[in-house]
Amino acid sequence: MTHSFKIITLFFALFIIHGCTTVRVPNLDFFDSNKSDLGKYPKLSDLPDLPNDLRSVKQWDNQVKKIIKDRKNVSDDIKTISKEETSTVDILDEIITLKTIVKSYKNDDPVDSNSRNE
């Protein structure tokens, strides 16, 4: 019994080794073909410096919390306005106020706000 087990194990091992010899491994040396591209990339010394006037994380968080609070207040105000209380003059004044708020938000945006519609 042990003799037949050894023969089967040896046959199985030879079968696996023979299968490994027929596998073709691709050429993994891909750096040789790309060496000519190395001169095309910018050098680290040519990169611009980081701006010094960036806000801290805490300042961004405070500003976002203020915007969320203002948005919630506006949302709450809209819910409390009834049709009888509003007049055309009040609505036009509110539109001007809201446009001013939007403009101040756009001016505060670090992305160029001139390219967007106001």
N, C-alpha and C. Protein backbone atom coordinates (compact mmCIF):
# COMPACT_ATOMS: atom_id res chain seq x y z
N MET A 1 0.83 -1.18 0.00
CA MET A 1 0.00 0.00 0.00
C MET A 1 0.87 1.24 0.00
N THR A 2 1.87 1.28 0.83
CA THR A 2 2.74 2.45 0.88
C THR A 2 3.58 2.55 -0.39
N HIS A 3 3.91 1.39 -0.97
CA HIS A 3 4.69 1.41 -2.20
C HIS A 3 3.89 2.02 -3.35
N SER A 4 2.62 1.68 -3.45
CA SER A 4 1.78 2.25 -4.53
C SER A 4 1.51 3.74 -4.28
N PHE A 5 1.43 4.12 -3.00
CA PHE A 5 1.23 5.54 -2.69
C PHE A 5 2.45 6.36 -3.12
N LYS A 6 3.67 5.83 -2.90
CA LYS A 6 4.89 6.51 -3.32
C LYS A 6 4.94 6.65 -4.83
N ILE A 7 4.53 5.61 -5.54
CA ILE A 7 4.55 5.64 -7.01
C ILE A 7 3.54 6.67 -7.52
N ILE A 8 2.37 6.71 -6.93
CA ILE A 8 1.34 7.68 -7.35
C ILE A 8 1.81 9.10 -7.04
N THR A 9 2.41 9.31 -5.89
CA THR A 9 2.92 10.63 -5.52
C THR A 9 4.03 11.06 -6.45
N LEU A 10 4.95 10.16 -6.80
CA LEU A 10 6.03 10.47 -7.72
C LEU A 10 5.48 10.79 -9.10
N PHE A 11 4.50 10.01 -9.56
CA PHE A 11 3.89 10.28 -10.86
C PHE A 11 3.19 11.65 -10.87
N PHE A 12 2.51 11.96 -9.79
CA PHE A 12 1.82 13.24 -9.68
C PHE A 12 2.83 14.41 -9.66
N ALA A 13 3.93 14.25 -8.94
CA ALA A 13 4.96 15.29 -8.88
C ALA A 13 5.59 15.49 -10.24
N LEU A 14 5.89 14.41 -10.96
CA LEU A 14 6.46 14.52 -12.31
C LEU A 14 5.47 15.19 -13.26
N PHE A 15 4.21 14.90 -13.10
CA PHE A 15 3.18 15.52 -13.94
C PHE A 15 3.13 17.04 -13.72
N ILE A 16 3.21 17.46 -12.46
CA ILE A 16 3.19 18.89 -12.14
C ILE A 16 4.45 19.58 -12.66
N ILE A 17 5.59 18.96 -12.46
CA ILE A 17 6.85 19.55 -12.94
C ILE A 17 6.83 19.66 -14.45
N HIS A 18 6.34 18.64 -15.14
CA HIS A 18 6.25 18.70 -16.60
C HIS A 18 5.31 19.83 -17.03
N GLY A 19 4.22 20.06 -16.29
CA GLY A 19 3.31 21.17 -16.61
C GLY A 19 3.96 22.52 -16.41
N CYS A 20 4.83 22.62 -15.43
CA CYS A 20 5.51 23.90 -15.18
C CYS A 20 6.52 24.22 -16.27
N THR A 21 7.09 23.20 -16.89
CA THR A 21 8.10 23.46 -17.92
C THR A 21 7.46 23.93 -19.22
N THR A 22 6.19 23.67 -19.42
CA THR A 22 5.54 24.09 -20.66
C THR A 22 4.94 25.49 -20.56
N VAL A 23 4.95 26.10 -19.38
CA VAL A 23 4.40 27.44 -19.21
C VAL A 23 5.42 28.45 -19.69
N ARG A 24 4.99 29.38 -20.53
CA ARG A 24 5.89 30.42 -21.02
C ARG A 24 5.67 31.68 -20.19
N VAL A 25 6.74 32.19 -19.62
CA VAL A 25 6.68 33.38 -18.78
C VAL A 25 7.02 34.59 -19.67
N PRO A 26 6.20 35.64 -19.64
CA PRO A 26 6.50 36.81 -20.47
C PRO A 26 7.71 37.56 -19.95
N ASN A 27 8.29 38.37 -20.81
CA ASN A 27 9.43 39.19 -20.42
C ASN A 27 8.93 40.32 -19.53
N LEU A 28 9.31 40.31 -18.28
CA LEU A 28 8.83 41.31 -17.33
C LEU A 28 9.77 42.50 -17.21
N ASP A 29 10.79 42.56 -18.01
CA ASP A 29 11.74 43.66 -17.96
C ASP A 29 11.21 44.81 -18.81
N PHE A 30 10.16 45.50 -18.31
CA PHE A 30 9.52 46.57 -19.06
C PHE A 30 10.23 47.90 -18.89
N PHE A 31 11.21 47.97 -18.01
CA PHE A 31 11.93 49.24 -17.83
C PHE A 31 12.87 49.54 -18.99
N ASP A 32 13.38 48.52 -19.63
CA ASP A 32 14.33 48.76 -20.72
C ASP A 32 13.69 49.51 -21.88
N SER A 33 12.44 49.20 -22.20
CA SER A 33 11.80 49.84 -23.34
C SER A 33 11.37 51.27 -23.02
N ASN A 34 11.22 51.62 -21.74
CA ASN A 34 10.75 52.96 -21.36
C ASN A 34 11.86 53.90 -20.93
N LYS A 35 13.11 53.49 -21.03
CA LYS A 35 14.20 54.35 -20.59
C LYS A 35 14.29 55.61 -21.43
N SER A 36 13.87 55.57 -22.66
CA SER A 36 13.94 56.76 -23.51
C SER A 36 12.91 57.82 -23.09
N ASP A 37 11.87 57.43 -22.35
CA ASP A 37 10.85 58.38 -21.92
C ASP A 37 11.24 59.17 -20.67
N LEU A 38 12.30 58.78 -19.99
CA LEU A 38 12.63 59.41 -18.72
C LEU A 38 12.96 60.89 -18.86
N GLY A 39 13.49 61.32 -19.95
CA GLY A 39 13.83 62.72 -20.13
C GLY A 39 12.64 63.61 -20.39
N LYS A 40 11.48 63.05 -20.67
CA LYS A 40 10.29 63.83 -21.01
C LYS A 40 9.52 64.31 -19.80
N TYR A 41 9.77 63.77 -18.63
CA TYR A 41 9.03 64.14 -17.43
C TYR A 41 9.66 65.36 -16.76
N PRO A 42 8.86 66.22 -16.15
CA PRO A 42 9.43 67.41 -15.49
C PRO A 42 10.24 67.02 -14.26
N LYS A 43 11.19 67.87 -13.93
CA LYS A 43 12.01 67.64 -12.75
C LYS A 43 11.29 68.20 -11.53
N LEU A 44 11.56 67.64 -10.38
CA LEU A 44 10.93 68.11 -9.15
C LEU A 44 11.34 69.54 -8.83
N SER A 45 12.54 69.92 -9.25
CA SER A 45 13.00 71.28 -8.96
C SER A 45 12.22 72.32 -9.78
N ASP A 46 11.59 71.92 -10.87
CA ASP A 46 10.83 72.84 -11.72
C ASP A 46 9.39 73.04 -11.25
N LEU A 47 8.95 72.28 -10.25
CA LEU A 47 7.58 72.40 -9.78
C LEU A 47 7.39 73.71 -9.02
N PRO A 48 6.20 74.31 -9.12
CA PRO A 48 5.97 75.56 -8.38
C PRO A 48 5.85 75.29 -6.89
N ASP A 49 6.12 76.34 -6.11
CA ASP A 49 5.99 76.23 -4.67
C ASP A 49 4.52 76.25 -4.27
N LEU A 50 4.24 75.68 -3.12
CA LEU A 50 2.88 75.73 -2.60
C LEU A 50 2.56 77.16 -2.16
N PRO A 51 1.33 77.61 -2.36
CA PRO A 51 0.98 78.95 -1.89
C PRO A 51 1.03 79.03 -0.37
N ASN A 52 1.38 80.22 0.12
CA ASN A 52 1.50 80.41 1.56
C ASN A 52 0.21 80.89 2.21
N ASP A 53 -0.75 81.31 1.40
CA ASP A 53 -1.96 81.91 1.95
C ASP A 53 -3.15 80.95 2.00
N LEU A 54 -2.89 79.67 2.10
CA LEU A 54 -3.98 78.69 2.20
C LEU A 54 -4.61 78.74 3.59
N ARG A 55 -5.91 78.51 3.62
CA ARG A 55 -6.60 78.46 4.91
C ARG A 55 -6.25 77.18 5.64
N SER A 56 -6.37 77.27 6.94
CA SER A 56 -6.17 76.06 7.73
C SER A 56 -7.44 75.21 7.66
N VAL A 57 -7.33 73.99 8.09
CA VAL A 57 -8.48 73.09 8.08
C VAL A 57 -9.58 73.62 8.99
N LYS A 58 -9.18 74.17 10.11
CA LYS A 58 -10.17 74.70 11.06
C LYS A 58 -10.94 75.87 10.44
N GLN A 59 -10.24 76.73 9.70
CA GLN A 59 -10.93 77.86 9.05
C GLN A 59 -11.92 77.35 8.01
N TRP A 60 -11.53 76.34 7.22
CA TRP A 60 -12.46 75.77 6.24
C TRP A 60 -13.67 75.18 6.94
N ASP A 61 -13.44 74.45 8.01
CA ASP A 61 -14.54 73.83 8.75
C ASP A 61 -15.49 74.89 9.31
N ASN A 62 -14.93 75.95 9.88
CA ASN A 62 -15.77 77.01 10.43
C ASN A 62 -16.61 77.68 9.35
N GLN A 63 -16.01 77.92 8.19
CA GLN A 63 -16.74 78.55 7.09
C GLN A 63 -17.86 77.63 6.58
N VAL A 64 -17.57 76.34 6.48
CA VAL A 64 -18.59 75.39 6.03
C VAL A 64 -19.73 75.31 7.03
N LYS A 65 -19.41 75.29 8.32
CA LYS A 65 -20.45 75.26 9.34
C LYS A 65 -21.32 76.52 9.27
N LYS A 66 -20.68 77.66 8.99
CA LYS A 66 -21.43 78.91 8.86
C LYS A 66 -22.36 78.84 7.65
N ILE A 67 -21.87 78.32 6.53
CA ILE A 67 -22.70 78.20 5.33
C ILE A 67 -23.87 77.26 5.58
N ILE A 68 -23.63 76.14 6.26
CA ILE A 68 -24.71 75.20 6.56
C ILE A 68 -25.74 75.85 7.47
N LYS A 69 -25.27 76.61 8.46
CA LYS A 69 -26.18 77.29 9.37
C LYS A 69 -26.99 78.34 8.62
N ASP A 70 -26.33 79.13 7.77
CA ASP A 70 -27.05 80.14 6.98
C ASP A 70 -28.08 79.49 6.05
N ARG A 71 -27.70 78.39 5.44
CA ARG A 71 -28.62 77.69 4.53
C ARG A 71 -29.82 77.17 5.31
N LYS A 72 -29.57 76.65 6.50
CA LYS A 72 -30.68 76.15 7.32
C LYS A 72 -31.59 77.30 7.74
N ASN A 73 -31.00 78.46 8.10
CA ASN A 73 -31.80 79.62 8.47
C ASN A 73 -32.66 80.09 7.30
N VAL A 74 -32.08 80.13 6.11
CA VAL A 74 -32.85 80.54 4.93
C VAL A 74 -33.97 79.54 4.67
N SER A 75 -33.64 78.26 4.80
CA SER A 75 -34.66 77.23 4.59
C SER A 75 -35.79 77.38 5.60
N ASP A 76 -35.44 77.64 6.85
CA ASP A 76 -36.46 77.82 7.89
C ASP A 76 -37.28 79.08 7.64
N ASP A 77 -36.62 80.15 7.18
CA ASP A 77 -37.33 81.39 6.87
C ASP A 77 -38.32 81.19 5.73
N ILE A 78 -37.92 80.43 4.74
CA ILE A 78 -38.82 80.18 3.59
C ILE A 78 -40.05 79.42 4.06
N LYS A 79 -39.88 78.49 4.99
CA LYS A 79 -41.02 77.72 5.47
C LYS A 79 -41.99 78.59 6.26
N THR A 80 -41.47 79.63 6.93
CA THR A 80 -42.34 80.45 7.76
C THR A 80 -43.04 81.57 6.98
N ILE A 81 -42.59 81.85 5.79
CA ILE A 81 -43.22 82.93 5.02
C ILE A 81 -44.55 82.42 4.46
N SER A 82 -45.56 83.19 4.69
CA SER A 82 -46.85 82.84 4.09
C SER A 82 -47.12 83.79 2.93
N LYS A 83 -48.06 83.42 2.10
CA LYS A 83 -48.34 84.22 0.90
C LYS A 83 -48.89 85.60 1.25
N GLU A 84 -49.61 85.73 2.34
CA GLU A 84 -50.20 87.01 2.72
C GLU A 84 -49.15 88.02 3.15
N GLU A 85 -48.05 87.54 3.73
CA GLU A 85 -47.02 88.43 4.24
C GLU A 85 -46.12 89.01 3.15
N THR A 86 -46.05 88.36 2.02
CA THR A 86 -45.11 88.78 0.98
C THR A 86 -45.76 89.78 0.04
N SER A 87 -44.94 90.71 -0.36
CA SER A 87 -45.36 91.66 -1.38
C SER A 87 -44.27 91.69 -2.44
N THR A 88 -44.55 92.31 -3.54
CA THR A 88 -43.58 92.37 -4.63
C THR A 88 -42.30 93.08 -4.20
N VAL A 89 -42.43 94.14 -3.45
CA VAL A 89 -41.25 94.89 -2.99
C VAL A 89 -40.40 94.02 -2.07
N ASP A 90 -41.04 93.30 -1.17
CA ASP A 90 -40.30 92.41 -0.26
C ASP A 90 -39.56 91.32 -1.03
N ILE A 91 -40.23 90.78 -2.03
CA ILE A 91 -39.61 89.71 -2.83
C ILE A 91 -38.41 90.26 -3.59
N LEU A 92 -38.54 91.46 -4.19
CA LEU A 92 -37.43 92.04 -4.92
C LEU A 92 -36.26 92.37 -3.99
N ASP A 93 -36.56 92.85 -2.79
CA ASP A 93 -35.50 93.10 -1.82
C ASP A 93 -34.79 91.80 -1.41
N GLU A 94 -35.57 90.77 -1.24
CA GLU A 94 -34.99 89.48 -0.88
C GLU A 94 -34.11 88.93 -2.00
N ILE A 95 -34.54 89.12 -3.26
CA ILE A 95 -33.73 88.68 -4.40
C ILE A 95 -32.40 89.41 -4.41
N ILE A 96 -32.41 90.69 -4.18
CA ILE A 96 -31.16 91.47 -4.15
C ILE A 96 -30.26 90.99 -3.01
N THR A 97 -30.85 90.74 -1.86
CA THR A 97 -30.07 90.25 -0.71
C THR A 97 -29.45 88.89 -1.02
N LEU A 98 -30.23 88.01 -1.61
CA LEU A 98 -29.72 86.68 -1.94
C LEU A 98 -28.63 86.75 -3.01
N LYS A 99 -28.79 87.62 -3.99
CA LYS A 99 -27.76 87.78 -5.01
C LYS A 99 -26.45 88.27 -4.38
N THR A 100 -26.55 89.14 -3.40
CA THR A 100 -25.36 89.64 -2.70
C THR A 100 -24.68 88.51 -1.94
N ILE A 101 -25.47 87.67 -1.29
CA ILE A 101 -24.91 86.53 -0.55
C ILE A 101 -24.22 85.57 -1.51
N VAL A 102 -24.87 85.28 -2.64
CA VAL A 102 -24.30 84.37 -3.63
C VAL A 102 -22.99 84.94 -4.16
N LYS A 103 -22.98 86.23 -4.45
CA LYS A 103 -21.77 86.86 -4.96
C LYS A 103 -20.63 86.78 -3.94
N SER A 104 -20.94 86.97 -2.66
CA SER A 104 -19.89 86.87 -1.64
C SER A 104 -19.37 85.44 -1.54
N TYR A 105 -20.25 84.44 -1.69
CA TYR A 105 -19.78 83.05 -1.68
C TYR A 105 -18.89 82.77 -2.88
N LYS A 106 -19.27 83.29 -4.04
CA LYS A 106 -18.46 83.06 -5.24
C LYS A 106 -17.11 83.76 -5.13
N ASN A 107 -17.07 84.93 -4.52
CA ASN A 107 -15.79 85.62 -4.34
C ASN A 107 -14.90 84.88 -3.35
N ASP A 108 -15.51 84.15 -2.43
CA ASP A 108 -14.75 83.39 -1.44
C ASP A 108 -14.26 82.06 -2.00
N ASP A 109 -14.83 81.62 -3.12
CA ASP A 109 -14.47 80.35 -3.72
C ASP A 109 -13.06 80.43 -4.30
N PRO A 110 -12.18 79.45 -4.00
CA PRO A 110 -10.82 79.50 -4.54
C PRO A 110 -10.76 79.27 -6.04
N VAL A 111 -11.79 78.67 -6.63
CA VAL A 111 -11.84 78.46 -8.07
C VAL A 111 -12.26 79.76 -8.72
N ASP A 112 -11.79 80.02 -9.91
CA ASP A 112 -12.11 81.26 -10.60
C ASP A 112 -13.61 81.36 -10.83
N SER A 113 -14.25 82.33 -10.19
CA SER A 113 -15.70 82.47 -10.27
C SER A 113 -16.14 83.26 -11.50
N ASN A 114 -15.23 83.87 -12.21
CA ASN A 114 -15.59 84.66 -13.39
C ASN A 114 -16.02 83.79 -14.56
N SER A 115 -15.59 82.53 -14.56
CA SER A 115 -15.92 81.65 -15.68
C SER A 115 -17.30 81.05 -15.55
N ARG A 116 -17.95 81.21 -14.39
CA ARG A 116 -19.29 80.65 -14.19
C ARG A 116 -20.34 81.73 -14.35
N ASN A 117 -21.54 81.31 -14.63
CA ASN A 117 -22.64 82.27 -14.72
C ASN A 117 -23.05 82.73 -13.34
N GLU A 118 -23.40 84.01 -13.24
CA GLU A 118 -23.81 84.53 -11.95
C GLU A 118 -25.32 84.63 -11.88
